[in-house]
Amino acid sequence: MCLLDDSFQSSLRKLYAEGIINNYKISDEEISIHVTKLGNRLVERFNDKYQQQFENDISRIKFYKVEFPI
């Protein structure tokens, strides 16, 4: 498993602390991360403002290498 850089880890921690993302354990080696209802409402509210940035970011993230910061 590859750890993400400190900046991205910090961002994930903030999103988790604010209730925008959450996780649940699938197995000893696997955790699923999901966007909460609050997170979905924020995405819907600000979609037009951040859509292009999201498209740029999503193409660069290797989700299979994400280690959730708990």
N, C-alpha and C. Protein backbone atom coordinates (compact mmCIF):
# COMPACT_ATOMS: atom_id res chain seq x y z
N MET A 1 0.86 -1.18 0.00
CA MET A 1 0.00 0.00 0.00
C MET A 1 0.89 1.23 0.00
N CYS A 2 0.59 2.18 -0.83
CA CYS A 2 1.36 3.42 -0.94
C CYS A 2 0.65 4.52 -0.13
N LEU A 3 1.39 5.14 0.77
CA LEU A 3 0.82 6.25 1.52
C LEU A 3 0.77 7.49 0.64
N LEU A 4 -0.24 8.29 0.84
CA LEU A 4 -0.39 9.53 0.10
C LEU A 4 0.44 10.62 0.75
N ASP A 5 0.70 11.69 0.00
CA ASP A 5 1.50 12.76 0.58
C ASP A 5 0.75 13.43 1.74
N ASP A 6 1.50 14.11 2.57
CA ASP A 6 0.95 14.70 3.80
C ASP A 6 -0.19 15.67 3.53
N SER A 7 -0.09 16.42 2.46
CA SER A 7 -1.12 17.40 2.13
C SER A 7 -2.47 16.71 1.85
N PHE A 8 -2.42 15.63 1.06
CA PHE A 8 -3.65 14.91 0.73
C PHE A 8 -4.19 14.19 1.97
N GLN A 9 -3.31 13.61 2.78
CA GLN A 9 -3.71 12.97 4.02
C GLN A 9 -4.41 13.99 4.93
N SER A 10 -3.87 15.18 5.01
CA SER A 10 -4.46 16.24 5.83
C SER A 10 -5.85 16.60 5.32
N SER A 11 -5.99 16.68 4.00
CA SER A 11 -7.30 16.99 3.41
C SER A 11 -8.31 15.90 3.75
N LEU A 12 -7.90 14.64 3.64
CA LEU A 12 -8.81 13.54 3.98
C LEU A 12 -9.22 13.60 5.45
N ARG A 13 -8.27 13.91 6.32
CA ARG A 13 -8.58 14.01 7.75
C ARG A 13 -9.61 15.10 8.02
N LYS A 14 -9.46 16.24 7.36
CA LYS A 14 -10.41 17.34 7.53
C LYS A 14 -11.80 16.94 7.03
N LEU A 15 -11.87 16.31 5.87
CA LEU A 15 -13.16 15.88 5.33
C LEU A 15 -13.82 14.86 6.27
N TYR A 16 -13.03 13.97 6.81
CA TYR A 16 -13.53 12.96 7.75
C TYR A 16 -14.03 13.64 9.04
N ALA A 17 -13.25 14.57 9.57
CA ALA A 17 -13.62 15.25 10.81
C ALA A 17 -14.90 16.07 10.66
N GLU A 18 -15.12 16.62 9.48
CA GLU A 18 -16.31 17.45 9.24
C GLU A 18 -17.52 16.62 8.84
N GLY A 19 -17.35 15.30 8.69
CA GLY A 19 -18.49 14.46 8.35
C GLY A 19 -18.82 14.44 6.87
N ILE A 20 -17.89 14.85 6.03
CA ILE A 20 -18.12 14.90 4.58
C ILE A 20 -17.81 13.56 3.94
N ILE A 21 -16.84 12.84 4.49
CA ILE A 21 -16.57 11.47 4.07
C ILE A 21 -16.59 10.57 5.30
N ASN A 22 -16.76 9.29 5.06
CA ASN A 22 -16.75 8.31 6.15
C ASN A 22 -16.18 7.01 5.60
N ASN A 23 -16.03 6.03 6.45
CA ASN A 23 -15.46 4.77 6.01
C ASN A 23 -16.10 3.61 6.76
N TYR A 24 -15.95 2.43 6.21
CA TYR A 24 -16.28 1.21 6.95
C TYR A 24 -15.32 0.11 6.53
N LYS A 25 -15.04 -0.76 7.48
CA LYS A 25 -14.06 -1.82 7.27
C LYS A 25 -14.71 -2.98 6.53
N ILE A 26 -14.12 -3.37 5.42
CA ILE A 26 -14.59 -4.51 4.64
C ILE A 26 -13.90 -5.78 5.12
N SER A 27 -12.61 -5.67 5.33
CA SER A 27 -11.81 -6.79 5.83
C SER A 27 -10.62 -6.21 6.57
N ASP A 28 -9.73 -7.06 7.05
CA ASP A 28 -8.54 -6.57 7.75
C ASP A 28 -7.64 -5.74 6.85
N GLU A 29 -7.70 -5.97 5.55
CA GLU A 29 -6.85 -5.25 4.61
C GLU A 29 -7.57 -4.21 3.78
N GLU A 30 -8.87 -4.08 3.91
CA GLU A 30 -9.61 -3.22 3.01
C GLU A 30 -10.64 -2.36 3.75
N ILE A 31 -10.60 -1.05 3.45
CA ILE A 31 -11.55 -0.10 3.99
C ILE A 31 -12.23 0.60 2.82
N SER A 32 -13.54 0.76 2.91
CA SER A 32 -14.29 1.48 1.88
C SER A 32 -14.52 2.91 2.36
N ILE A 33 -14.24 3.85 1.50
CA ILE A 33 -14.47 5.27 1.80
C ILE A 33 -15.65 5.73 0.96
N HIS A 34 -16.56 6.46 1.60
CA HIS A 34 -17.71 6.98 0.85
C HIS A 34 -18.02 8.41 1.26
N VAL A 35 -18.72 9.11 0.39
CA VAL A 35 -19.17 10.47 0.66
C VAL A 35 -20.48 10.37 1.41
N THR A 36 -20.60 11.11 2.50
CA THR A 36 -21.80 11.10 3.33
C THR A 36 -22.93 11.90 2.67
N LYS A 37 -24.10 11.88 3.29
CA LYS A 37 -25.22 12.69 2.78
C LYS A 37 -24.86 14.16 2.78
N LEU A 38 -24.20 14.61 3.85
CA LEU A 38 -23.75 16.00 3.90
C LEU A 38 -22.80 16.30 2.75
N GLY A 39 -21.84 15.40 2.53
CA GLY A 39 -20.89 15.58 1.43
C GLY A 39 -21.59 15.64 0.08
N ASN A 40 -22.59 14.78 -0.12
CA ASN A 40 -23.34 14.81 -1.37
C ASN A 40 -24.10 16.12 -1.55
N ARG A 41 -24.66 16.63 -0.47
CA ARG A 41 -25.37 17.92 -0.56
C ARG A 41 -24.40 19.04 -0.94
N LEU A 42 -23.21 19.02 -0.38
CA LEU A 42 -22.22 20.03 -0.73
C LEU A 42 -21.78 19.91 -2.19
N VAL A 43 -21.60 18.68 -2.65
CA VAL A 43 -21.23 18.46 -4.05
C VAL A 43 -22.32 19.01 -4.97
N GLU A 44 -23.57 18.71 -4.65
CA GLU A 44 -24.68 19.22 -5.47
C GLU A 44 -24.74 20.75 -5.45
N ARG A 45 -24.55 21.33 -4.28
CA ARG A 45 -24.65 22.78 -4.13
C ARG A 45 -23.57 23.52 -4.90
N PHE A 46 -22.36 23.00 -4.88
CA PHE A 46 -21.22 23.70 -5.49
C PHE A 46 -20.71 23.03 -6.77
N ASN A 47 -21.50 22.15 -7.35
CA ASN A 47 -21.09 21.39 -8.53
C ASN A 47 -20.58 22.28 -9.66
N ASP A 48 -21.32 23.33 -10.00
CA ASP A 48 -20.91 24.17 -11.13
C ASP A 48 -19.60 24.88 -10.87
N LYS A 49 -19.30 25.19 -9.63
CA LYS A 49 -18.08 25.90 -9.29
C LYS A 49 -16.84 25.01 -9.36
N TYR A 50 -16.98 23.73 -9.01
CA TYR A 50 -15.81 22.86 -8.85
C TYR A 50 -15.75 21.68 -9.83
N GLN A 51 -16.67 21.58 -10.75
CA GLN A 51 -16.71 20.43 -11.66
C GLN A 51 -15.41 20.25 -12.44
N GLN A 52 -14.89 21.32 -13.02
CA GLN A 52 -13.66 21.20 -13.82
C GLN A 52 -12.48 20.77 -12.96
N GLN A 53 -12.36 21.33 -11.77
CA GLN A 53 -11.26 20.93 -10.88
C GLN A 53 -11.38 19.47 -10.50
N PHE A 54 -12.61 19.02 -10.21
CA PHE A 54 -12.84 17.61 -9.89
C PHE A 54 -12.40 16.72 -11.03
N GLU A 55 -12.76 17.06 -12.25
CA GLU A 55 -12.37 16.25 -13.41
C GLU A 55 -10.86 16.19 -13.54
N ASN A 56 -10.18 17.28 -13.28
CA ASN A 56 -8.72 17.28 -13.34
C ASN A 56 -8.13 16.40 -12.24
N ASP A 57 -8.65 16.52 -11.03
CA ASP A 57 -8.12 15.77 -9.90
C ASP A 57 -8.40 14.27 -10.02
N ILE A 58 -9.61 13.90 -10.39
CA ILE A 58 -10.02 12.49 -10.40
C ILE A 58 -9.16 11.66 -11.34
N SER A 59 -8.69 12.26 -12.40
CA SER A 59 -7.88 11.51 -13.36
C SER A 59 -6.49 11.20 -12.82
N ARG A 60 -6.05 11.92 -11.80
CA ARG A 60 -4.70 11.72 -11.26
C ARG A 60 -4.65 10.84 -10.03
N ILE A 61 -5.79 10.59 -9.39
CA ILE A 61 -5.80 9.83 -8.13
C ILE A 61 -5.80 8.33 -8.43
N LYS A 62 -4.91 7.63 -7.81
CA LYS A 62 -4.85 6.16 -7.91
C LYS A 62 -5.59 5.61 -6.70
N PHE A 63 -6.90 5.45 -6.82
CA PHE A 63 -7.71 5.08 -5.66
C PHE A 63 -7.31 3.75 -5.03
N TYR A 64 -6.77 2.85 -5.82
CA TYR A 64 -6.35 1.57 -5.27
C TYR A 64 -5.16 1.71 -4.32
N LYS A 65 -4.51 2.88 -4.32
CA LYS A 65 -3.37 3.09 -3.43
C LYS A 65 -3.70 3.98 -2.24
N VAL A 66 -4.95 4.36 -2.09
CA VAL A 66 -5.34 5.26 -1.00
C VAL A 66 -5.39 4.50 0.32
N GLU A 67 -4.72 5.04 1.32
CA GLU A 67 -4.81 4.50 2.66
C GLU A 67 -5.53 5.53 3.51
N PHE A 68 -6.68 5.15 4.06
CA PHE A 68 -7.50 6.10 4.80
C PHE A 68 -6.82 6.49 6.10
N PRO A 69 -6.78 7.79 6.40
CA PRO A 69 -6.03 8.29 7.55
C PRO A 69 -6.79 8.21 8.87
N ILE A 70 -6.86 7.06 9.47
CA ILE A 70 -7.49 6.96 10.78
C ILE A 70 -6.47 6.58 11.82
